[in-house]
Amino acid sequence: DESGGGWVQAGASLFLSCAASGRTFNSGTMGWFRQAPGKEREFVAAVR
């Protein structure tokens, strides 16, 4: 479940959050991707 998106002006900040439910990941990877209109989904960041 993601939250925190919105509309801002250039130079501003936003904070996104993603809560995982259903299991606990003892080992794993979680990441953020993004997709702009007409473009492929691209990698942003990940933690392992």
ModelCIF file with pLDDT and N, C-alpha, C, O atoms, coordinates in Angstrom:
data_MODEL
#
_entry.id   MODEL 
#
_entity.id                         1 
_entity.type                       polymer 
_entity.pdbx_number_of_molecules   1 
#
_entity_poly.entity_id                      1 
_entity_poly.type                           'polypeptide(L)' 
_entity_poly.nstd_linkage                   no 
_entity_poly.nstd_monomer                   no 
_entity_poly.pdbx_seq_one_letter_code       DESGGGWVQAGASLFLSCAASGRTFNSGTMGWFRQAPGKEREFVAAVR 
_entity_poly.pdbx_seq_one_letter_code_can   DESGGGWVQAGASLFLSCAASGRTFNSGTMGWFRQAPGKEREFVAAVR 
_entity_poly.pdbx_strand_id                 A 
#
loop_
_entity_poly_seq.entity_id 
_entity_poly_seq.num 
_entity_poly_seq.mon_id 
_entity_poly_seq.hetero 
1 1  ASP n 
1 2  GLU n 
1 3  SER n 
1 4  GLY n 
1 5  GLY n 
1 6  GLY n 
1 7  TRP n 
1 8  VAL n 
1 9  GLN n 
1 10 ALA n 
1 11 GLY n 
1 12 ALA n 
1 13 SER n 
1 14 LEU n 
1 15 PHE n 
1 16 LEU n 
1 17 SER n 
1 18 CYS n 
1 19 ALA n 
1 20 ALA n 
1 21 SER n 
1 22 GLY n 
1 23 ARG n 
1 24 THR n 
1 25 PHE n 
1 26 ASN n 
1 27 SER n 
1 28 GLY n 
1 29 THR n 
1 30 MET n 
1 31 GLY n 
1 32 TRP n 
1 33 PHE n 
1 34 ARG n 
1 35 GLN n 
1 36 ALA n 
1 37 PRO n 
1 38 GLY n 
1 39 LYS n 
1 40 GLU n 
1 41 ARG n 
1 42 GLU n 
1 43 PHE n 
1 44 VAL n 
1 45 ALA n 
1 46 ALA n 
1 47 VAL n 
1 48 ARG n 
#
_struct_asym.id          A 
_struct_asym.entity_id   1 
#
loop_
_ma_qa_metric.id 
_ma_qa_metric.mode 
_ma_qa_metric.name 
_ma_qa_metric.software_group_id 
_ma_qa_metric.type 
1 global pLDDT . pLDDT 
2 local  pLDDT . pLDDT 
#
_ma_qa_metric_global.metric_id      1 
_ma_qa_metric_global.metric_value   94.12 
_ma_qa_metric_global.model_id       1 
_ma_qa_metric_global.ordinal_id     1 
#
loop_
_ma_qa_metric_local.label_asym_id 
_ma_qa_metric_local.label_comp_id 
_ma_qa_metric_local.label_seq_id 
_ma_qa_metric_local.metric_id 
_ma_qa_metric_local.metric_value 
_ma_qa_metric_local.model_id 
_ma_qa_metric_local.ordinal_id 
A ASP 1  2 95.00 1 1  
A GLU 2  2 95.00 1 2  
A SER 3  2 95.00 1 3  
A GLY 4  2 95.00 1 4  
A GLY 5  2 93.00 1 5  
A GLY 6  2 97.00 1 6  
A TRP 7  2 98.00 1 7  
A VAL 8  2 97.00 1 8  
A GLN 9  2 98.00 1 9  
A ALA 10 2 98.00 1 10 
A GLY 11 2 98.00 1 11 
A ALA 12 2 98.00 1 12 
A SER 13 2 98.00 1 13 
A LEU 14 2 98.00 1 14 
A PHE 15 2 98.00 1 15 
A LEU 16 2 98.00 1 16 
A SER 17 2 98.00 1 17 
A CYS 18 2 97.00 1 18 
A ALA 19 2 95.00 1 19 
A ALA 20 2 93.00 1 20 
A SER 21 2 89.00 1 21 
A GLY 22 2 86.00 1 22 
A ARG 23 2 75.00 1 23 
A THR 24 2 74.00 1 24 
A PHE 25 2 70.00 1 25 
A ASN 26 2 77.00 1 26 
A SER 27 2 86.00 1 27 
A GLY 28 2 92.00 1 28 
A THR 29 2 95.00 1 29 
A MET 30 2 95.00 1 30 
A GLY 31 2 96.00 1 31 
A TRP 32 2 98.00 1 32 
A PHE 33 2 98.00 1 33 
A ARG 34 2 98.00 1 34 
A GLN 35 2 98.00 1 35 
A ALA 36 2 97.00 1 36 
A PRO 37 2 93.00 1 37 
A GLY 38 2 95.00 1 38 
A LYS 39 2 97.00 1 39 
A GLU 40 2 97.00 1 40 
A ARG 41 2 97.00 1 41 
A GLU 42 2 98.00 1 42 
A PHE 43 2 98.00 1 43 
A VAL 44 2 98.00 1 44 
A ALA 45 2 98.00 1 45 
A ALA 46 2 98.00 1 46 
A VAL 47 2 97.00 1 47 
A ARG 48 2 96.00 1 48 
#
loop_
_atom_site.group_PDB 
_atom_site.id 
_atom_site.type_symbol 
_atom_site.label_atom_id 
_atom_site.label_alt_id 
_atom_site.label_comp_id 
_atom_site.label_asym_id 
_atom_site.label_entity_id 
_atom_site.label_seq_id 
_atom_site.pdbx_PDB_ins_code 
_atom_site.Cartn_x 
_atom_site.Cartn_y 
_atom_site.Cartn_z 
_atom_site.occupancy 
_atom_site.B_iso_or_equiv 
_atom_site.pdbx_formal_charge 
_atom_site.auth_seq_id 
_atom_site.auth_comp_id 
_atom_site.auth_asym_id 
_atom_site.auth_atom_id 
_atom_site.pdbx_PDB_model_num 
ATOM 1   N N  . ASP A 1 1  ? 0.846  -1.197  0.000   1.00 95.00 ? 1  ASP A N  1 
ATOM 2   C CA . ASP A 1 1  ? 0.000  0.000   0.000   1.00 95.00 ? 1  ASP A CA 1 
ATOM 3   C C  . ASP A 1 1  ? 0.880  1.245   0.000   1.00 95.00 ? 1  ASP A C  1 
ATOM 4   O O  . ASP A 1 1  ? 1.605  1.504   0.961   1.00 95.00 ? 1  ASP A O  1 
ATOM 5   N N  . GLU A 1 2  ? 0.810  2.016   -1.089  1.00 95.00 ? 2  GLU A N  1 
ATOM 6   C CA . GLU A 1 2  ? 1.604  3.225   -1.213  1.00 95.00 ? 2  GLU A CA 1 
ATOM 7   C C  . GLU A 1 2  ? 0.788  4.442   -0.785  1.00 95.00 ? 2  GLU A C  1 
ATOM 8   O O  . GLU A 1 2  ? -0.439 4.459   -0.874  1.00 95.00 ? 2  GLU A O  1 
ATOM 9   N N  . SER A 1 3  ? 1.497  5.437   -0.329  1.00 95.00 ? 3  SER A N  1 
ATOM 10  C CA . SER A 1 3  ? 0.856  6.711   0.005   1.00 95.00 ? 3  SER A CA 1 
ATOM 11  C C  . SER A 1 3  ? 1.876  7.824   -0.136  1.00 95.00 ? 3  SER A C  1 
ATOM 12  O O  . SER A 1 3  ? 3.082  7.577   -0.133  1.00 95.00 ? 3  SER A O  1 
ATOM 13  N N  . GLY A 1 4  ? 1.385  9.061   -0.262  1.00 95.00 ? 4  GLY A N  1 
ATOM 14  C CA . GLY A 1 4  ? 2.266  10.209  -0.215  1.00 95.00 ? 4  GLY A CA 1 
ATOM 15  C C  . GLY A 1 4  ? 2.477  10.940  -1.517  1.00 95.00 ? 4  GLY A C  1 
ATOM 16  O O  . GLY A 1 4  ? 3.196  11.939  -1.537  1.00 95.00 ? 4  GLY A O  1 
ATOM 17  N N  . GLY A 1 5  ? 1.887  10.492  -2.602  1.00 93.00 ? 5  GLY A N  1 
ATOM 18  C CA . GLY A 1 5  ? 2.055  11.225  -3.849  1.00 93.00 ? 5  GLY A CA 1 
ATOM 19  C C  . GLY A 1 5  ? 1.325  12.559  -3.804  1.00 93.00 ? 5  GLY A C  1 
ATOM 20  O O  . GLY A 1 5  ? 0.618  12.871  -2.846  1.00 93.00 ? 5  GLY A O  1 
ATOM 21  N N  . GLY A 1 6  ? 1.513  13.338  -4.865  1.00 97.00 ? 6  GLY A N  1 
ATOM 22  C CA . GLY A 1 6  ? 0.825  14.618  -4.917  1.00 97.00 ? 6  GLY A CA 1 
ATOM 23  C C  . GLY A 1 6  ? 1.398  15.519  -5.988  1.00 97.00 ? 6  GLY A C  1 
ATOM 24  O O  . GLY A 1 6  ? 2.172  15.098  -6.848  1.00 97.00 ? 6  GLY A O  1 
ATOM 25  N N  . TRP A 1 7  ? 0.991  16.771  -5.906  1.00 98.00 ? 7  TRP A N  1 
ATOM 26  C CA . TRP A 1 7  ? 1.432  17.791  -6.858  1.00 98.00 ? 7  TRP A CA 1 
ATOM 27  C C  . TRP A 1 7  ? 2.289  18.810  -6.151  1.00 98.00 ? 7  TRP A C  1 
ATOM 28  O O  . TRP A 1 7  ? 1.896  19.344  -5.113  1.00 98.00 ? 7  TRP A O  1 
ATOM 29  N N  . VAL A 1 8  ? 3.475  19.090  -6.709  1.00 97.00 ? 8  VAL A N  1 
ATOM 30  C CA . VAL A 1 8  ? 4.366  20.079  -6.123  1.00 97.00 ? 8  VAL A CA 1 
ATOM 31  C C  . VAL A 1 8  ? 5.034  20.879  -7.229  1.00 97.00 ? 8  VAL A C  1 
ATOM 32  O O  . VAL A 1 8  ? 5.000  20.501  -8.400  1.00 97.00 ? 8  VAL A O  1 
ATOM 33  N N  . GLN A 1 9  ? 5.633  21.976  -6.839  1.00 98.00 ? 9  GLN A N  1 
ATOM 34  C CA . GLN A 1 9  ? 6.421  22.760  -7.786  1.00 98.00 ? 9  GLN A CA 1 
ATOM 35  C C  . GLN A 1 9  ? 7.863  22.258  -7.806  1.00 98.00 ? 9  GLN A C  1 
ATOM 36  O O  . GLN A 1 9  ? 8.323  21.627  -6.854  1.00 98.00 ? 9  GLN A O  1 
ATOM 37  N N  . ALA A 1 10 ? 8.551  22.536  -8.869  1.00 98.00 ? 10 ALA A N  1 
ATOM 38  C CA . ALA A 1 10 ? 9.944  22.124  -8.995  1.00 98.00 ? 10 ALA A CA 1 
ATOM 39  C C  . ALA A 1 10 ? 10.761 22.662  -7.827  1.00 98.00 ? 10 ALA A C  1 
ATOM 40  O O  . ALA A 1 10 ? 10.607 23.812  -7.414  1.00 98.00 ? 10 ALA A O  1 
ATOM 41  N N  . GLY A 1 11 ? 11.635 21.800  -7.305  1.00 98.00 ? 11 GLY A N  1 
ATOM 42  C CA . GLY A 1 11 ? 12.463 22.174  -6.168  1.00 98.00 ? 11 GLY A CA 1 
ATOM 43  C C  . GLY A 1 11 ? 11.901 21.742  -4.830  1.00 98.00 ? 11 GLY A C  1 
ATOM 44  O O  . GLY A 1 11 ? 12.611 21.746  -3.825  1.00 98.00 ? 11 GLY A O  1 
ATOM 45  N N  . ALA A 1 12 ? 10.645 21.375  -4.811  1.00 98.00 ? 12 ALA A N  1 
ATOM 46  C CA . ALA A 1 12 ? 10.002 20.963  -3.558  1.00 98.00 ? 12 ALA A CA 1 
ATOM 47  C C  . ALA A 1 12 ? 10.318 19.500  -3.228  1.00 98.00 ? 12 ALA A C  1 
ATOM 48  O O  . ALA A 1 12 ? 11.049 18.827  -3.954  1.00 98.00 ? 12 ALA A O  1 
ATOM 49  N N  . SER A 1 13 ? 9.754  19.031  -2.123  1.00 98.00 ? 13 SER A N  1 
ATOM 50  C CA . SER A 1 13 ? 9.998  17.665  -1.648  1.00 98.00 ? 13 SER A CA 1 
ATOM 51  C C  . SER A 1 13 ? 8.680  16.922  -1.478  1.00 98.00 ? 13 SER A C  1 
ATOM 52  O O  . SER A 1 13 ? 7.630  17.523  -1.250  1.00 98.00 ? 13 SER A O  1 
ATOM 53  N N  . LEU A 1 14 ? 8.760  15.611  -1.593  1.00 98.00 ? 14 LEU A N  1 
ATOM 54  C CA . LEU A 1 14 ? 7.644  14.729  -1.299  1.00 98.00 ? 14 LEU A CA 1 
ATOM 55  C C  . LEU A 1 14 ? 8.180  13.496  -0.597  1.00 98.00 ? 14 LEU A C  1 
ATOM 56  O O  . LEU A 1 14 ? 9.343  13.123  -0.751  1.00 98.00 ? 14 LEU A O  1 
ATOM 57  N N  . PHE A 1 15 ? 7.296  12.867  0.183   1.00 98.00 ? 15 PHE A N  1 
ATOM 58  C CA . PHE A 1 15 ? 7.675  11.668  0.925   1.00 98.00 ? 15 PHE A CA 1 
ATOM 59  C C  . PHE A 1 15 ? 6.691  10.563  0.584   1.00 98.00 ? 15 PHE A C  1 
ATOM 60  O O  . PHE A 1 15 ? 5.487  10.711  0.793   1.00 98.00 ? 15 PHE A O  1 
ATOM 61  N N  . LEU A 1 16 ? 7.194  9.470   0.067   1.00 98.00 ? 16 LEU A N  1 
ATOM 62  C CA . LEU A 1 16 ? 6.357  8.326   -0.265  1.00 98.00 ? 16 LEU A CA 1 
ATOM 63  C C  . LEU A 1 16 ? 6.581  7.212   0.753   1.00 98.00 ? 16 LEU A C  1 
ATOM 64  O O  . LEU A 1 16 ? 7.683  7.031   1.272   1.00 98.00 ? 16 LEU A O  1 
ATOM 65  N N  . SER A 1 17 ? 5.522  6.481   1.018   1.00 98.00 ? 17 SER A N  1 
ATOM 66  C CA . SER A 1 17 ? 5.614  5.366   1.950   1.00 98.00 ? 17 SER A CA 1 
ATOM 67  C C  . SER A 1 17 ? 4.936  4.151   1.346   1.00 98.00 ? 17 SER A C  1 
ATOM 68  O O  . SER A 1 17 ? 3.947  4.276   0.623   1.00 98.00 ? 17 SER A O  1 
ATOM 69  N N  . CYS A 1 18 ? 5.470  2.975   1.644   1.00 97.00 ? 18 CYS A N  1 
ATOM 70  C CA . CYS A 1 18 ? 4.910  1.725   1.143   1.00 97.00 ? 18 CYS A CA 1 
ATOM 71  C C  . CYS A 1 18 ? 4.900  0.715   2.278   1.00 97.00 ? 18 CYS A C  1 
ATOM 72  O O  . CYS A 1 18 ? 5.952  0.316   2.777   1.00 97.00 ? 18 CYS A O  1 
ATOM 73  N N  . ALA A 1 19 ? 3.713  0.307   2.678   1.00 95.00 ? 19 ALA A N  1 
ATOM 74  C CA . ALA A 1 19 ? 3.568  -0.659  3.764   1.00 95.00 ? 19 ALA A CA 1 
ATOM 75  C C  . ALA A 1 19 ? 3.226  -2.025  3.198   1.00 95.00 ? 19 ALA A C  1 
ATOM 76  O O  . ALA A 1 19 ? 2.287  -2.167  2.414   1.00 95.00 ? 19 ALA A O  1 
ATOM 77  N N  . ALA A 1 20 ? 3.993  -3.028  3.600   1.00 93.00 ? 20 ALA A N  1 
ATOM 78  C CA . ALA A 1 20 ? 3.757  -4.395  3.149   1.00 93.00 ? 20 ALA A CA 1 
ATOM 79  C C  . ALA A 1 20 ? 2.980  -5.152  4.216   1.00 93.00 ? 20 ALA A C  1 
ATOM 80  O O  . ALA A 1 20 ? 3.327  -5.104  5.396   1.00 93.00 ? 20 ALA A O  1 
ATOM 81  N N  . SER A 1 21 ? 1.948  -5.838  3.808   1.00 89.00 ? 21 SER A N  1 
ATOM 82  C CA . SER A 1 21 ? 1.159  -6.653  4.729   1.00 89.00 ? 21 SER A CA 1 
ATOM 83  C C  . SER A 1 21 ? 0.987  -8.050  4.153   1.00 89.00 ? 21 SER A C  1 
ATOM 84  O O  . SER A 1 21 ? 1.068  -8.250  2.941   1.00 89.00 ? 21 SER A O  1 
ATOM 85  N N  . GLY A 1 22 ? 0.753  -8.997  5.021   1.00 86.00 ? 22 GLY A N  1 
ATOM 86  C CA . GLY A 1 22 ? 0.533  -10.363 4.577   1.00 86.00 ? 22 GLY A CA 1 
ATOM 87  C C  . GLY A 1 22 ? 1.676  -11.293 4.895   1.00 86.00 ? 22 GLY A C  1 
ATOM 88  O O  . GLY A 1 22 ? 1.492  -12.507 4.976   1.00 86.00 ? 22 GLY A O  1 
ATOM 89  N N  . ARG A 1 23 ? 2.874  -10.724 5.080   1.00 75.00 ? 23 ARG A N  1 
ATOM 90  C CA . ARG A 1 23 ? 4.003  -11.545 5.479   1.00 75.00 ? 23 ARG A CA 1 
ATOM 91  C C  . ARG A 1 23 ? 5.133  -10.638 5.913   1.00 75.00 ? 23 ARG A C  1 
ATOM 92  O O  . ARG A 1 23 ? 5.136  -9.438  5.637   1.00 75.00 ? 23 ARG A O  1 
ATOM 93  N N  . THR A 1 24 ? 6.080  -11.227 6.590   1.00 74.00 ? 24 THR A N  1 
ATOM 94  C CA . THR A 1 24 ? 7.281  -10.501 6.982   1.00 74.00 ? 24 THR A CA 1 
ATOM 95  C C  . THR A 1 24 ? 8.437  -11.001 6.135   1.00 74.00 ? 24 THR A C  1 
ATOM 96  O O  . THR A 1 24 ? 8.645  -12.206 5.992   1.00 74.00 ? 24 THR A O  1 
ATOM 97  N N  . PHE A 1 25 ? 9.178  -10.073 5.583   1.00 70.00 ? 25 PHE A N  1 
ATOM 98  C CA . PHE A 1 25 ? 10.282 -10.430 4.708   1.00 70.00 ? 25 PHE A CA 1 
ATOM 99  C C  . PHE A 1 25 ? 11.565 -10.526 5.530   1.00 70.00 ? 25 PHE A C  1 
ATOM 100 O O  . PHE A 1 25 ? 12.176 -9.506  5.850   1.00 70.00 ? 25 PHE A O  1 
ATOM 101 N N  . ASN A 1 26 ? 11.964 -11.719 5.865   1.00 77.00 ? 26 ASN A N  1 
ATOM 102 C CA . ASN A 1 26 ? 13.207 -11.890 6.604   1.00 77.00 ? 26 ASN A CA 1 
ATOM 103 C C  . ASN A 1 26 ? 14.418 -11.633 5.711   1.00 77.00 ? 26 ASN A C  1 
ATOM 104 O O  . ASN A 1 26 ? 15.442 -11.130 6.174   1.00 77.00 ? 26 ASN A O  1 
ATOM 105 N N  . SER A 1 27 ? 14.301 -11.964 4.485   1.00 86.00 ? 27 SER A N  1 
ATOM 106 C CA . SER A 1 27 ? 15.273 -11.598 3.463   1.00 86.00 ? 27 SER A CA 1 
ATOM 107 C C  . SER A 1 27 ? 14.475 -11.091 2.282   1.00 86.00 ? 27 SER A C  1 
ATOM 108 O O  . SER A 1 27 ? 13.378 -11.579 2.009   1.00 86.00 ? 27 SER A O  1 
ATOM 109 N N  . GLY A 1 28 ? 15.017 -10.126 1.590   1.00 92.00 ? 28 GLY A N  1 
ATOM 110 C CA . GLY A 1 28 ? 14.263 -9.645  0.449   1.00 92.00 ? 28 GLY A CA 1 
ATOM 111 C C  . GLY A 1 28 ? 14.790 -8.363  -0.142  1.00 92.00 ? 28 GLY A C  1 
ATOM 112 O O  . GLY A 1 28 ? 15.875 -7.885  0.191   1.00 92.00 ? 28 GLY A O  1 
ATOM 113 N N  . THR A 1 29 ? 13.998 -7.835  -1.014  1.00 95.00 ? 29 THR A N  1 
ATOM 114 C CA . THR A 1 29 ? 14.288 -6.582  -1.702  1.00 95.00 ? 29 THR A CA 1 
ATOM 115 C C  . THR A 1 29 ? 12.988 -5.796  -1.807  1.00 95.00 ? 29 THR A C  1 
ATOM 116 O O  . THR A 1 29 ? 11.937 -6.343  -2.142  1.00 95.00 ? 29 THR A O  1 
ATOM 117 N N  . MET A 1 30 ? 13.080 -4.520  -1.516  1.00 95.00 ? 30 MET A N  1 
ATOM 118 C CA . MET A 1 30 ? 11.939 -3.622  -1.765  1.00 95.00 ? 30 MET A CA 1 
ATOM 119 C C  . MET A 1 30 ? 12.453 -2.422  -2.523  1.00 95.00 ? 30 MET A C  1 
ATOM 120 O O  . MET A 1 30 ? 13.536 -1.903  -2.251  1.00 95.00 ? 30 MET A O  1 
ATOM 121 N N  . GLY A 1 31 ? 11.658 -1.997  -3.472  1.00 96.00 ? 31 GLY A N  1 
ATOM 122 C CA . GLY A 1 31 ? 12.138 -0.907  -4.305  1.00 96.00 ? 31 GLY A CA 1 
ATOM 123 C C  . GLY A 1 31 ? 11.032 -0.007  -4.796  1.00 96.00 ? 31 GLY A C  1 
ATOM 124 O O  . GLY A 1 31 ? 9.846  -0.267  -4.597  1.00 96.00 ? 31 GLY A O  1 
ATOM 125 N N  . TRP A 1 32 ? 11.451 1.047   -5.437  1.00 98.00 ? 32 TRP A N  1 
ATOM 126 C CA . TRP A 1 32 ? 10.548 2.001   -6.068  1.00 98.00 ? 32 TRP A CA 1 
ATOM 127 C C  . TRP A 1 32 ? 10.879 2.088   -7.552  1.00 98.00 ? 32 TRP A C  1 
ATOM 128 O O  . TRP A 1 32 ? 12.039 2.163   -7.955  1.00 98.00 ? 32 TRP A O  1 
ATOM 129 N N  . PHE A 1 33 ? 9.827  2.075   -8.337  1.00 98.00 ? 33 PHE A N  1 
ATOM 130 C CA . PHE A 1 33 ? 9.922  2.278   -9.773  1.00 98.00 ? 33 PHE A CA 1 
ATOM 131 C C  . PHE A 1 33 ? 8.979  3.401   -10.148 1.00 98.00 ? 33 PHE A C  1 
ATOM 132 O O  . PHE A 1 33 ? 8.124  3.790   -9.352  1.00 98.00 ? 33 PHE A O  1 
ATOM 133 N N  . ARG A 1 34 ? 9.127  3.921   -11.345 1.00 98.00 ? 34 ARG A N  1 
ATOM 134 C CA . ARG A 1 34 ? 8.205  4.949   -11.814 1.00 98.00 ? 34 ARG A CA 1 
ATOM 135 C C  . ARG A 1 34 ? 7.946  4.786   -13.305 1.00 98.00 ? 34 ARG A C  1 
ATOM 136 O O  . ARG A 1 34 ? 8.754  4.235   -14.054 1.00 98.00 ? 34 ARG A O  1 
ATOM 137 N N  . GLN A 1 35 ? 6.795  5.285   -13.695 1.00 98.00 ? 35 GLN A N  1 
ATOM 138 C CA . GLN A 1 35 ? 6.418  5.196   -15.103 1.00 98.00 ? 35 GLN A CA 1 
ATOM 139 C C  . GLN A 1 35 ? 5.727  6.481   -15.517 1.00 98.00 ? 35 GLN A C  1 
ATOM 140 O O  . GLN A 1 35 ? 4.676  6.840   -14.986 1.00 98.00 ? 35 GLN A O  1 
ATOM 141 N N  . ALA A 1 36 ? 6.336  7.168   -16.474 1.00 97.00 ? 36 ALA A N  1 
ATOM 142 C CA . ALA A 1 36 ? 5.760  8.382   -17.028 1.00 97.00 ? 36 ALA A CA 1 
ATOM 143 C C  . ALA A 1 36 ? 4.913  8.018   -18.245 1.00 97.00 ? 36 ALA A C  1 
ATOM 144 O O  . ALA A 1 36 ? 5.119  6.959   -18.839 1.00 97.00 ? 36 ALA A O  1 
ATOM 145 N N  . PRO A 1 37 ? 3.973  8.867   -18.623 1.00 93.00 ? 37 PRO A N  1 
ATOM 146 C CA . PRO A 1 37 ? 3.122  8.570   -19.780 1.00 93.00 ? 37 PRO A CA 1 
ATOM 147 C C  . PRO A 1 37 ? 3.951  8.302   -21.032 1.00 93.00 ? 37 PRO A C  1 
ATOM 148 O O  . PRO A 1 37 ? 4.844  9.075   -21.381 1.00 93.00 ? 37 PRO A O  1 
ATOM 149 N N  . GLY A 1 38 ? 3.641  7.198   -21.696 1.00 95.00 ? 38 GLY A N  1 
ATOM 150 C CA . GLY A 1 38 ? 4.325  6.866   -22.932 1.00 95.00 ? 38 GLY A CA 1 
ATOM 151 C C  . GLY A 1 38 ? 5.709  6.285   -22.769 1.00 95.00 ? 38 GLY A C  1 
ATOM 152 O O  . GLY A 1 38 ? 6.403  6.040   -23.756 1.00 95.00 ? 38 GLY A O  1 
ATOM 153 N N  . LYS A 1 39 ? 6.120  6.061   -21.525 1.00 97.00 ? 39 LYS A N  1 
ATOM 154 C CA . LYS A 1 39 ? 7.463  5.526   -21.277 1.00 97.00 ? 39 LYS A CA 1 
ATOM 155 C C  . LYS A 1 39 ? 7.390  4.196   -20.537 1.00 97.00 ? 39 LYS A C  1 
ATOM 156 O O  . LYS A 1 39 ? 6.362  3.853   -19.953 1.00 97.00 ? 39 LYS A O  1 
ATOM 157 N N  . GLU A 1 40 ? 8.474  3.465   -20.568 1.00 97.00 ? 40 GLU A N  1 
ATOM 158 C CA . GLU A 1 40 ? 8.542  2.209   -19.831 1.00 97.00 ? 40 GLU A CA 1 
ATOM 159 C C  . GLU A 1 40 ? 8.767  2.477   -18.347 1.00 97.00 ? 40 GLU A C  1 
ATOM 160 O O  . GLU A 1 40 ? 9.260  3.532   -17.947 1.00 97.00 ? 40 GLU A O  1 
ATOM 161 N N  . ARG A 1 41 ? 8.390  1.489   -17.555 1.00 97.00 ? 41 ARG A N  1 
ATOM 162 C CA . ARG A 1 41 ? 8.629  1.597   -16.118 1.00 97.00 ? 41 ARG A CA 1 
ATOM 163 C C  . ARG A 1 41 ? 10.137 1.548   -15.861 1.00 97.00 ? 41 ARG A C  1 
ATOM 164 O O  . ARG A 1 41 ? 10.846 0.705   -16.409 1.00 97.00 ? 41 ARG A O  1 
ATOM 165 N N  . GLU A 1 42 ? 10.609 2.464   -15.021 1.00 98.00 ? 42 GLU A N  1 
ATOM 166 C CA . GLU A 1 42 ? 12.039 2.543   -14.771 1.00 98.00 ? 42 GLU A CA 1 
ATOM 167 C C  . GLU A 1 42 ? 12.354 2.472   -13.279 1.00 98.00 ? 42 GLU A C  1 
ATOM 168 O O  . GLU A 1 42 ? 11.548 2.845   -12.426 1.00 98.00 ? 42 GLU A O  1 
ATOM 169 N N  . PHE A 1 43 ? 13.529 1.991   -13.009 1.00 98.00 ? 43 PHE A N  1 
ATOM 170 C CA . PHE A 1 43 ? 14.012 1.824   -11.649 1.00 98.00 ? 43 PHE A CA 1 
ATOM 171 C C  . PHE A 1 43 ? 14.320 3.173   -11.021 1.00 98.00 ? 43 PHE A C  1 
ATOM 172 O O  . PHE A 1 43 ? 14.834 4.076   -11.680 1.00 98.00 ? 43 PHE A O  1 
ATOM 173 N N  . VAL A 1 44 ? 13.997 3.298   -9.729  1.00 98.00 ? 44 VAL A N  1 
ATOM 174 C CA . VAL A 1 44 ? 14.315 4.516   -8.983  1.00 98.00 ? 44 VAL A CA 1 
ATOM 175 C C  . VAL A 1 44 ? 15.305 4.202   -7.867  1.00 98.00 ? 44 VAL A C  1 
ATOM 176 O O  . VAL A 1 44 ? 16.385 4.788   -7.803  1.00 98.00 ? 44 VAL A O  1 
ATOM 177 N N  . ALA A 1 45 ? 14.929 3.272   -6.988  1.00 98.00 ? 45 ALA A N  1 
ATOM 178 C CA . ALA A 1 45 ? 15.779 2.952   -5.841  1.00 98.00 ? 45 ALA A CA 1 
ATOM 179 C C  . ALA A 1 45 ? 15.351 1.618   -5.250  1.00 98.00 ? 45 ALA A C  1 
ATOM 180 O O  . ALA A 1 45 ? 14.219 1.177   -5.448  1.00 98.00 ? 45 ALA A O  1 
ATOM 181 N N  . ALA A 1 46 ? 16.264 0.975   -4.521  1.00 98.00 ? 46 ALA A N  1 
ATOM 182 C CA . ALA A 1 46 ? 15.939 -0.292  -3.880  1.00 98.00 ? 46 ALA A CA 1 
ATOM 183 C C  . ALA A 1 46 ? 16.799 -0.486  -2.646  1.00 98.00 ? 46 ALA A C  1 
ATOM 184 O O  . ALA A 1 46 ? 17.914 0.027   -2.545  1.00 98.00 ? 46 ALA A O  1 
ATOM 185 N N  . VAL A 1 47 ? 16.247 -1.239  -1.717  1.00 97.00 ? 47 VAL A N  1 
ATOM 186 C CA . VAL A 1 47 ? 16.981 -1.641  -0.522  1.00 97.00 ? 47 VAL A CA 1 
ATOM 187 C C  . VAL A 1 47 ? 16.896 -3.157  -0.403  1.00 97.00 ? 47 VAL A C  1 
ATOM 188 O O  . VAL A 1 47 ? 15.843 -3.751  -0.635  1.00 97.00 ? 47 VAL A O  1 
ATOM 189 N N  . ARG A 1 48 ? 17.999 -3.768  -0.043  1.00 96.00 ? 48 ARG A N  1 
ATOM 190 C CA . ARG A 1 48 ? 18.090 -5.219  0.031   1.00 96.00 ? 48 ARG A CA 1 
ATOM 191 C C  . ARG A 1 48 ? 18.609 -5.652  1.391   1.00 96.00 ? 48 ARG A C  1 
ATOM 192 O O  . ARG A 1 48 ? 18.754 -6.847  1.645   1.00 96.00 ? 48 ARG A O  1 
#
